[in-house]
Amino acid sequence: MIQLEVNLPDQPGSLVELIKPISDNGGNIFGILHHHDKKLNNLIPVTITFEIKEELREKNLKKIQEEYNEKKIEIVNITLGEERRELIVILTGHVFERDIVGTIKQLALGDIKVSELQAKFTDISEVSNVKFKLKYPESITKEELLRKLEIICEKKELSLLRS
């Protein structure tokens, strides 16, 4: 995750000028905060949070900085964090009847955390769709996580849909 703080002129189109270099260089934007209450000399502090694939991060971040220099966008601070490691999956079948808590515990043994769970529940014997938002550590690849989920689903006779 990359958090970029800039001072942006308070004029139409300046936000587009901020976003375009990030988008053009493979950035996936997660949030933008305008601090209008801290406006000074017609400049608004803006914080933008985005992600670039790890293998492209250094090169593409440098390109973004160069484009900002050309556009005279003042960079106040750049904070680099870890890549976001999340996966959204849907388990379909008799999810509740087949021990959903046990599934969550199995995942937790591998340091995989269920950060969100959404389900429509009618009756325990009914087929359900349960959406999991999973956070997983760097020690596990996405493919390893999916394989682990596939094994759990095979044992519990559930279907796995993934993003």
N, C-alpha and C. Protein backbone atom coordinates (compact mmCIF):
# COMPACT_ATOMS: atom_id res chain seq x y z
N MET A 1 0.84 -1.16 0.00
CA MET A 1 0.00 0.00 0.00
C MET A 1 0.90 1.23 0.00
N ILE A 2 0.51 2.21 -0.77
CA ILE A 2 1.26 3.46 -0.87
C ILE A 2 0.33 4.59 -0.44
N GLN A 3 0.82 5.44 0.44
CA GLN A 3 0.06 6.61 0.84
C GLN A 3 0.85 7.83 0.41
N LEU A 4 0.25 8.65 -0.42
CA LEU A 4 0.90 9.81 -1.01
C LEU A 4 0.19 11.07 -0.53
N GLU A 5 0.97 12.00 0.00
CA GLU A 5 0.42 13.27 0.45
C GLU A 5 0.96 14.37 -0.46
N VAL A 6 0.05 15.18 -0.99
CA VAL A 6 0.43 16.28 -1.90
C VAL A 6 -0.33 17.54 -1.51
N ASN A 7 0.16 18.66 -2.01
CA ASN A 7 -0.59 19.91 -1.94
C ASN A 7 -1.09 20.18 -3.35
N LEU A 8 -2.41 20.24 -3.49
CA LEU A 8 -3.04 20.34 -4.79
C LEU A 8 -3.74 21.70 -4.94
N PRO A 9 -3.53 22.37 -6.07
CA PRO A 9 -4.22 23.64 -6.28
C PRO A 9 -5.74 23.45 -6.26
N ASP A 10 -6.42 24.37 -5.63
CA ASP A 10 -7.88 24.31 -5.55
C ASP A 10 -8.47 24.90 -6.83
N GLN A 11 -8.47 24.07 -7.88
CA GLN A 11 -9.01 24.50 -9.18
C GLN A 11 -9.55 23.28 -9.91
N PRO A 12 -10.54 23.51 -10.79
CA PRO A 12 -11.13 22.40 -11.53
C PRO A 12 -10.07 21.62 -12.32
N GLY A 13 -10.16 20.30 -12.27
CA GLY A 13 -9.28 19.44 -13.04
C GLY A 13 -8.01 19.01 -12.32
N SER A 14 -7.71 19.61 -11.18
CA SER A 14 -6.46 19.26 -10.51
C SER A 14 -6.49 17.85 -9.94
N LEU A 15 -7.66 17.38 -9.51
CA LEU A 15 -7.75 16.02 -8.99
C LEU A 15 -7.50 15.00 -10.11
N VAL A 16 -8.00 15.28 -11.30
CA VAL A 16 -7.76 14.41 -12.45
C VAL A 16 -6.26 14.34 -12.74
N GLU A 17 -5.59 15.49 -12.63
CA GLU A 17 -4.14 15.54 -12.84
C GLU A 17 -3.40 14.70 -11.81
N LEU A 18 -3.96 14.58 -10.62
CA LEU A 18 -3.36 13.77 -9.56
C LEU A 18 -3.56 12.28 -9.81
N ILE A 19 -4.75 11.92 -10.24
CA ILE A 19 -5.10 10.51 -10.41
C ILE A 19 -4.50 9.89 -11.67
N LYS A 20 -4.46 10.63 -12.75
CA LYS A 20 -4.05 10.08 -14.05
C LYS A 20 -2.68 9.39 -14.02
N PRO A 21 -1.62 10.00 -13.46
CA PRO A 21 -0.32 9.31 -13.45
C PRO A 21 -0.35 7.99 -12.67
N ILE A 22 -1.15 7.95 -11.62
CA ILE A 22 -1.26 6.71 -10.83
C ILE A 22 -1.93 5.64 -11.68
N SER A 23 -3.04 6.00 -12.30
CA SER A 23 -3.77 5.07 -13.15
C SER A 23 -2.93 4.60 -14.34
N ASP A 24 -2.24 5.55 -14.98
CA ASP A 24 -1.41 5.22 -16.15
C ASP A 24 -0.24 4.30 -15.82
N ASN A 25 0.14 4.26 -14.54
CA ASN A 25 1.28 3.45 -14.13
C ASN A 25 0.88 2.25 -13.27
N GLY A 26 -0.32 1.75 -13.51
CA GLY A 26 -0.75 0.50 -12.89
C GLY A 26 -1.22 0.59 -11.46
N GLY A 27 -1.54 1.81 -11.00
CA GLY A 27 -2.00 1.97 -9.63
C GLY A 27 -3.48 1.66 -9.48
N ASN A 28 -3.81 1.06 -8.36
CA ASN A 28 -5.19 0.76 -8.00
C ASN A 28 -5.53 1.63 -6.79
N ILE A 29 -6.37 2.62 -6.98
CA ILE A 29 -6.66 3.61 -5.95
C ILE A 29 -7.70 3.08 -4.96
N PHE A 30 -7.39 3.23 -3.66
CA PHE A 30 -8.29 2.78 -2.60
C PHE A 30 -9.01 3.92 -1.91
N GLY A 31 -8.41 5.12 -1.91
CA GLY A 31 -9.08 6.23 -1.25
C GLY A 31 -8.38 7.55 -1.50
N ILE A 32 -9.18 8.61 -1.44
CA ILE A 32 -8.66 9.98 -1.61
C ILE A 32 -9.31 10.83 -0.52
N LEU A 33 -8.48 11.56 0.21
CA LEU A 33 -8.98 12.47 1.24
C LEU A 33 -8.55 13.89 0.91
N HIS A 34 -9.52 14.78 0.80
CA HIS A 34 -9.25 16.21 0.61
C HIS A 34 -9.36 16.87 1.97
N HIS A 35 -8.40 17.65 2.33
CA HIS A 35 -8.43 18.34 3.62
C HIS A 35 -8.72 19.82 3.36
N HIS A 36 -9.96 20.11 2.92
CA HIS A 36 -10.35 21.48 2.59
C HIS A 36 -10.21 22.42 3.79
N ASP A 37 -10.38 21.89 4.99
CA ASP A 37 -10.27 22.71 6.18
C ASP A 37 -8.84 23.18 6.46
N LYS A 38 -7.87 22.59 5.75
CA LYS A 38 -6.46 22.96 5.93
C LYS A 38 -5.90 23.70 4.71
N LYS A 39 -6.79 24.24 3.90
CA LYS A 39 -6.39 24.97 2.69
C LYS A 39 -5.51 26.16 3.06
N LEU A 40 -4.41 26.33 2.33
CA LEU A 40 -3.49 27.43 2.58
C LEU A 40 -2.92 27.90 1.24
N ASN A 41 -3.02 29.19 0.97
CA ASN A 41 -2.52 29.77 -0.28
C ASN A 41 -3.09 29.06 -1.51
N ASN A 42 -4.39 28.78 -1.47
CA ASN A 42 -5.11 28.11 -2.55
C ASN A 42 -4.61 26.67 -2.81
N LEU A 43 -3.90 26.08 -1.83
CA LEU A 43 -3.46 24.69 -1.94
C LEU A 43 -4.19 23.85 -0.89
N ILE A 44 -4.71 22.71 -1.35
CA ILE A 44 -5.43 21.80 -0.46
C ILE A 44 -4.57 20.55 -0.25
N PRO A 45 -4.30 20.20 1.01
CA PRO A 45 -3.61 18.94 1.26
C PRO A 45 -4.52 17.76 0.86
N VAL A 46 -3.97 16.85 0.09
CA VAL A 46 -4.71 15.69 -0.37
C VAL A 46 -3.88 14.44 -0.06
N THR A 47 -4.54 13.43 0.48
CA THR A 47 -3.90 12.14 0.74
C THR A 47 -4.57 11.12 -0.16
N ILE A 48 -3.77 10.41 -0.93
CA ILE A 48 -4.30 9.37 -1.82
C ILE A 48 -3.63 8.05 -1.48
N THR A 49 -4.44 7.02 -1.31
CA THR A 49 -3.94 5.69 -0.96
C THR A 49 -4.16 4.79 -2.16
N PHE A 50 -3.09 4.11 -2.58
CA PHE A 50 -3.19 3.23 -3.75
C PHE A 50 -2.18 2.11 -3.64
N GLU A 51 -2.28 1.19 -4.57
CA GLU A 51 -1.39 0.03 -4.60
C GLU A 51 -0.87 -0.16 -6.01
N ILE A 52 0.37 -0.57 -6.11
CA ILE A 52 0.99 -0.97 -7.37
C ILE A 52 1.61 -2.34 -7.12
N LYS A 53 1.50 -3.24 -8.08
CA LYS A 53 2.08 -4.58 -7.90
C LYS A 53 3.54 -4.45 -7.47
N GLU A 54 3.91 -5.31 -6.55
CA GLU A 54 5.24 -5.25 -5.92
C GLU A 54 6.37 -5.19 -6.94
N GLU A 55 6.28 -6.00 -7.98
CA GLU A 55 7.37 -6.07 -8.97
C GLU A 55 7.49 -4.80 -9.81
N LEU A 56 6.44 -3.98 -9.85
CA LEU A 56 6.44 -2.74 -10.63
C LEU A 56 6.56 -1.49 -9.76
N ARG A 57 6.47 -1.69 -8.47
CA ARG A 57 6.34 -0.57 -7.54
C ARG A 57 7.44 0.48 -7.68
N GLU A 58 8.68 0.09 -7.58
CA GLU A 58 9.79 1.06 -7.57
C GLU A 58 9.85 1.86 -8.87
N LYS A 59 9.81 1.14 -10.00
CA LYS A 59 9.92 1.79 -11.31
C LYS A 59 8.72 2.71 -11.57
N ASN A 60 7.52 2.22 -11.33
CA ASN A 60 6.32 2.99 -11.63
C ASN A 60 6.11 4.16 -10.67
N LEU A 61 6.51 3.98 -9.42
CA LEU A 61 6.40 5.08 -8.47
C LEU A 61 7.34 6.23 -8.87
N LYS A 62 8.49 5.87 -9.39
CA LYS A 62 9.43 6.89 -9.88
C LYS A 62 8.82 7.66 -11.06
N LYS A 63 8.14 6.93 -11.97
CA LYS A 63 7.48 7.58 -13.10
C LYS A 63 6.39 8.54 -12.63
N ILE A 64 5.63 8.12 -11.62
CA ILE A 64 4.57 8.96 -11.08
C ILE A 64 5.17 10.24 -10.51
N GLN A 65 6.25 10.10 -9.75
CA GLN A 65 6.90 11.27 -9.17
C GLN A 65 7.41 12.23 -10.25
N GLU A 66 7.97 11.68 -11.32
CA GLU A 66 8.46 12.51 -12.43
C GLU A 66 7.31 13.28 -13.08
N GLU A 67 6.17 12.61 -13.27
CA GLU A 67 5.01 13.28 -13.86
C GLU A 67 4.49 14.39 -12.96
N TYR A 68 4.50 14.15 -11.65
CA TYR A 68 4.08 15.19 -10.71
C TYR A 68 5.02 16.38 -10.76
N ASN A 69 6.32 16.12 -10.86
CA ASN A 69 7.28 17.23 -10.97
C ASN A 69 7.01 18.06 -12.22
N GLU A 70 6.72 17.39 -13.34
CA GLU A 70 6.41 18.09 -14.59
C GLU A 70 5.15 18.93 -14.46
N LYS A 71 4.16 18.41 -13.71
CA LYS A 71 2.89 19.11 -13.54
C LYS A 71 2.93 20.08 -12.37
N LYS A 72 4.08 20.16 -11.71
CA LYS A 72 4.27 21.05 -10.57
C LYS A 72 3.33 20.73 -9.42
N ILE A 73 3.08 19.42 -9.21
CA ILE A 73 2.31 18.96 -8.05
C ILE A 73 3.32 18.67 -6.94
N GLU A 74 3.17 19.39 -5.83
CA GLU A 74 4.11 19.27 -4.71
C GLU A 74 3.83 18.01 -3.90
N ILE A 75 4.83 17.12 -3.83
CA ILE A 75 4.72 15.91 -3.01
C ILE A 75 5.24 16.26 -1.62
N VAL A 76 4.38 16.05 -0.63
CA VAL A 76 4.74 16.34 0.76
C VAL A 76 5.37 15.11 1.41
N ASN A 77 4.78 13.94 1.15
CA ASN A 77 5.26 12.71 1.79
C ASN A 77 4.76 11.49 1.02
N ILE A 78 5.60 10.44 1.02
CA ILE A 78 5.21 9.14 0.46
C ILE A 78 5.50 8.10 1.52
N THR A 79 4.49 7.30 1.85
CA THR A 79 4.66 6.22 2.82
C THR A 79 4.40 4.91 2.10
N LEU A 80 5.38 4.01 2.17
CA LEU A 80 5.24 2.69 1.54
C LEU A 80 4.89 1.66 2.61
N GLY A 81 3.87 0.88 2.32
CA GLY A 81 3.48 -0.19 3.23
C GLY A 81 3.46 -1.50 2.49
N GLU A 82 3.00 -2.52 3.16
CA GLU A 82 2.93 -3.85 2.55
C GLU A 82 1.81 -3.90 1.52
N GLU A 83 2.00 -4.79 0.55
CA GLU A 83 0.97 -5.02 -0.46
C GLU A 83 -0.27 -5.60 0.23
N ARG A 84 -1.42 -5.14 -0.18
CA ARG A 84 -2.67 -5.64 0.38
C ARG A 84 -2.87 -7.08 -0.07
N ARG A 85 -3.08 -7.95 0.87
CA ARG A 85 -3.21 -9.36 0.55
C ARG A 85 -4.59 -9.83 1.00
N GLU A 86 -5.55 -9.63 0.11
CA GLU A 86 -6.93 -9.99 0.38
C GLU A 86 -7.49 -10.80 -0.78
N LEU A 87 -8.44 -11.62 -0.45
CA LEU A 87 -9.12 -12.42 -1.46
C LEU A 87 -10.58 -12.55 -1.04
N ILE A 88 -11.48 -12.40 -2.00
CA ILE A 88 -12.90 -12.59 -1.73
C ILE A 88 -13.34 -13.88 -2.40
N VAL A 89 -13.98 -14.73 -1.62
CA VAL A 89 -14.49 -16.00 -2.14
C VAL A 89 -15.92 -16.19 -1.67
N ILE A 90 -16.65 -17.03 -2.39
CA ILE A 90 -18.00 -17.40 -1.99
C ILE A 90 -18.06 -18.91 -1.90
N LEU A 91 -18.52 -19.40 -0.75
CA LEU A 91 -18.75 -20.83 -0.58
C LEU A 91 -20.24 -21.07 -0.75
N THR A 92 -20.56 -22.07 -1.56
CA THR A 92 -21.95 -22.39 -1.86
C THR A 92 -22.22 -23.83 -1.47
N GLY A 93 -23.37 -24.05 -0.89
CA GLY A 93 -23.77 -25.39 -0.48
C GLY A 93 -24.37 -25.32 0.91
N HIS A 94 -24.27 -26.41 1.64
CA HIS A 94 -24.80 -26.46 3.01
C HIS A 94 -23.70 -25.96 3.96
N VAL A 95 -23.35 -24.69 3.79
CA VAL A 95 -22.22 -24.09 4.49
C VAL A 95 -22.44 -24.12 6.00
N PHE A 96 -23.63 -23.79 6.47
CA PHE A 96 -23.89 -23.75 7.91
C PHE A 96 -23.99 -25.16 8.49
N GLU A 97 -24.62 -26.04 7.75
CA GLU A 97 -24.76 -27.42 8.19
C GLU A 97 -23.40 -28.13 8.26
N ARG A 98 -22.45 -27.68 7.45
CA ARG A 98 -21.12 -28.29 7.38
C ARG A 98 -20.10 -27.53 8.24
N ASP A 99 -20.55 -26.85 9.26
CA ASP A 99 -19.70 -26.23 10.28
C ASP A 99 -18.86 -25.07 9.76
N ILE A 100 -19.53 -23.94 9.59
CA ILE A 100 -18.86 -22.74 9.10
C ILE A 100 -17.79 -22.26 10.09
N VAL A 101 -18.05 -22.43 11.38
CA VAL A 101 -17.06 -22.02 12.39
C VAL A 101 -15.80 -22.88 12.27
N GLY A 102 -15.98 -24.15 11.99
CA GLY A 102 -14.84 -25.04 11.79
C GLY A 102 -14.01 -24.62 10.57
N THR A 103 -14.69 -24.17 9.53
CA THR A 103 -14.00 -23.68 8.33
C THR A 103 -13.15 -22.46 8.68
N ILE A 104 -13.73 -21.54 9.43
CA ILE A 104 -13.00 -20.33 9.84
C ILE A 104 -11.80 -20.71 10.71
N LYS A 105 -11.98 -21.66 11.61
CA LYS A 105 -10.88 -22.10 12.48
C LYS A 105 -9.77 -22.77 11.68
N GLN A 106 -10.13 -23.57 10.67
CA GLN A 106 -9.12 -24.20 9.80
C GLN A 106 -8.28 -23.15 9.10
N LEU A 107 -8.92 -22.12 8.60
CA LEU A 107 -8.21 -21.04 7.92
C LEU A 107 -7.29 -20.30 8.90
N ALA A 108 -7.80 -20.06 10.11
CA ALA A 108 -7.03 -19.33 11.12
C ALA A 108 -5.75 -20.08 11.50
N LEU A 109 -5.76 -21.39 11.42
CA LEU A 109 -4.55 -22.17 11.71
C LEU A 109 -3.41 -21.81 10.76
N GLY A 110 -3.76 -21.38 9.55
CA GLY A 110 -2.77 -20.97 8.56
C GLY A 110 -2.55 -19.47 8.55
N ASP A 111 -2.97 -18.80 9.63
CA ASP A 111 -2.83 -17.34 9.76
C ASP A 111 -3.65 -16.59 8.70
N ILE A 112 -4.74 -17.21 8.28
CA ILE A 112 -5.66 -16.61 7.32
C ILE A 112 -6.85 -16.10 8.12
N LYS A 113 -7.15 -14.82 7.99
CA LYS A 113 -8.19 -14.21 8.80
C LYS A 113 -9.41 -13.88 7.94
N VAL A 114 -10.57 -14.18 8.46
CA VAL A 114 -11.82 -13.79 7.82
C VAL A 114 -12.13 -12.38 8.32
N SER A 115 -11.95 -11.37 7.45
CA SER A 115 -12.18 -9.98 7.87
C SER A 115 -13.63 -9.56 7.67
N GLU A 116 -14.33 -10.23 6.77
CA GLU A 116 -15.76 -9.97 6.57
C GLU A 116 -16.44 -11.27 6.19
N LEU A 117 -17.68 -11.40 6.61
CA LEU A 117 -18.49 -12.55 6.25
C LEU A 117 -19.90 -12.05 5.98
N GLN A 118 -20.44 -12.42 4.83
CA GLN A 118 -21.81 -12.04 4.49
C GLN A 118 -22.55 -13.29 4.07
N ALA A 119 -23.76 -13.43 4.61
CA ALA A 119 -24.55 -14.61 4.27
C ALA A 119 -26.03 -14.27 4.33
N LYS A 120 -26.78 -14.96 3.51
CA LYS A 120 -28.23 -14.89 3.61
C LYS A 120 -28.66 -16.24 4.17
N PHE A 121 -29.23 -16.18 5.34
CA PHE A 121 -29.56 -17.40 6.05
C PHE A 121 -31.07 -17.57 6.12
N THR A 122 -31.55 -18.72 5.66
CA THR A 122 -32.98 -19.01 5.76
C THR A 122 -33.21 -20.16 6.74
N ASP A 123 -32.60 -21.28 6.47
CA ASP A 123 -32.74 -22.45 7.32
C ASP A 123 -31.43 -23.24 7.24
N ILE A 124 -31.04 -23.87 8.31
CA ILE A 124 -29.76 -24.57 8.34
C ILE A 124 -29.68 -25.68 7.29
N SER A 125 -30.82 -26.23 6.90
CA SER A 125 -30.80 -27.30 5.90
C SER A 125 -30.81 -26.79 4.46
N GLU A 126 -31.01 -25.49 4.28
CA GLU A 126 -31.05 -24.88 2.95
C GLU A 126 -29.64 -24.63 2.41
N VAL A 127 -29.52 -24.63 1.08
CA VAL A 127 -28.26 -24.26 0.43
C VAL A 127 -28.05 -22.76 0.65
N SER A 128 -26.81 -22.41 1.00
CA SER A 128 -26.47 -21.02 1.30
C SER A 128 -25.29 -20.57 0.45
N ASN A 129 -25.20 -19.27 0.27
CA ASN A 129 -24.02 -18.64 -0.33
C ASN A 129 -23.42 -17.76 0.76
N VAL A 130 -22.16 -17.99 1.08
CA VAL A 130 -21.49 -17.22 2.11
C VAL A 130 -20.25 -16.58 1.50
N LYS A 131 -20.21 -15.26 1.61
CA LYS A 131 -19.08 -14.51 1.05
C LYS A 131 -18.07 -14.25 2.17
N PHE A 132 -16.83 -14.63 1.90
CA PHE A 132 -15.73 -14.40 2.84
C PHE A 132 -14.76 -13.39 2.23
N LYS A 133 -14.34 -12.43 3.01
CA LYS A 133 -13.22 -11.58 2.64
C LYS A 133 -12.07 -12.05 3.52
N LEU A 134 -11.03 -12.57 2.86
CA LEU A 134 -9.92 -13.19 3.59
C LEU A 134 -8.67 -12.33 3.48
N LYS A 135 -7.95 -12.22 4.59
CA LYS A 135 -6.64 -11.57 4.61
C LYS A 135 -5.63 -12.67 4.89
N TYR A 136 -4.57 -12.69 4.07
CA TYR A 136 -3.60 -13.76 4.23
C TYR A 136 -2.17 -13.20 4.26
N PRO A 137 -1.26 -13.89 4.95
CA PRO A 137 0.11 -13.39 5.13
C PRO A 137 0.97 -13.57 3.89
N GLU A 138 2.11 -12.88 3.88
CA GLU A 138 3.04 -12.99 2.76
C GLU A 138 3.63 -14.39 2.61
N SER A 139 3.59 -15.17 3.69
CA SER A 139 4.16 -16.52 3.64
C SER A 139 3.31 -17.48 2.80
N ILE A 140 2.11 -17.04 2.41
CA ILE A 140 1.20 -17.87 1.60
C ILE A 140 0.93 -17.15 0.28
N THR A 141 1.02 -17.89 -0.81
CA THR A 141 0.65 -17.31 -2.11
C THR A 141 -0.86 -17.42 -2.29
N LYS A 142 -1.39 -16.65 -3.20
CA LYS A 142 -2.82 -16.70 -3.51
C LYS A 142 -3.21 -18.11 -3.96
N GLU A 143 -2.34 -18.72 -4.76
CA GLU A 143 -2.61 -20.07 -5.27
C GLU A 143 -2.65 -21.09 -4.13
N GLU A 144 -1.76 -20.93 -3.14
CA GLU A 144 -1.76 -21.85 -1.99
C GLU A 144 -3.03 -21.67 -1.17
N LEU A 145 -3.45 -20.44 -1.01
CA LEU A 145 -4.69 -20.17 -0.28
C LEU A 145 -5.88 -20.79 -1.00
N LEU A 146 -5.93 -20.62 -2.31
CA LEU A 146 -7.04 -21.20 -3.08
C LEU A 146 -7.03 -22.72 -2.99
N ARG A 147 -5.86 -23.32 -3.03
CA ARG A 147 -5.76 -24.79 -2.92
C ARG A 147 -6.27 -25.26 -1.56
N LYS A 148 -5.90 -24.53 -0.51
CA LYS A 148 -6.36 -24.87 0.84
C LYS A 148 -7.89 -24.79 0.90
N LEU A 149 -8.46 -23.74 0.30
CA LEU A 149 -9.92 -23.60 0.26
C LEU A 149 -10.58 -24.72 -0.54
N GLU A 150 -9.96 -25.08 -1.66
CA GLU A 150 -10.49 -26.17 -2.48
C GLU A 150 -10.53 -27.49 -1.69
N ILE A 151 -9.50 -27.75 -0.91
CA ILE A 151 -9.45 -28.97 -0.10
C ILE A 151 -10.55 -28.95 0.96
N ILE A 152 -10.72 -27.81 1.63
CA ILE A 152 -11.79 -27.68 2.62
C ILE A 152 -13.15 -27.90 1.96
N CYS A 153 -13.36 -27.29 0.79
CA CYS A 153 -14.64 -27.42 0.09
C CYS A 153 -14.89 -28.86 -0.37
N GLU A 154 -13.84 -29.54 -0.84
CA GLU A 154 -14.00 -30.95 -1.24
C GLU A 154 -14.45 -31.79 -0.05
N LYS A 155 -13.81 -31.62 1.09
CA LYS A 155 -14.14 -32.41 2.29
C LYS A 155 -15.56 -32.11 2.78
N LYS A 156 -15.98 -30.85 2.63
CA LYS A 156 -17.29 -30.45 3.16
C LYS A 156 -18.36 -30.43 2.08
N GLU A 157 -18.02 -30.90 0.87
CA GLU A 157 -18.96 -30.94 -0.26
C GLU A 157 -19.59 -29.57 -0.53
N LEU A 158 -18.70 -28.56 -0.64
CA LEU A 158 -19.12 -27.20 -0.95
C LEU A 158 -18.50 -26.78 -2.28
N SER A 159 -19.08 -25.78 -2.90
CA SER A 159 -18.51 -25.22 -4.12
C SER A 159 -17.82 -23.91 -3.78
N LEU A 160 -16.72 -23.64 -4.49
CA LEU A 160 -15.93 -22.44 -4.25
C LEU A 160 -16.00 -21.54 -5.47
N LEU A 161 -16.42 -20.31 -5.27
CA LEU A 161 -16.37 -19.27 -6.30
C LEU A 161 -15.35 -18.25 -5.83
N ARG A 162 -14.48 -17.81 -6.75
CA ARG A 162 -13.41 -16.89 -6.35
C ARG A 162 -13.34 -15.68 -7.26
N SER A 163 -12.76 -14.61 -6.73
CA SER A 163 -12.66 -13.38 -7.51
C SER A 163 -11.39 -13.39 -8.32
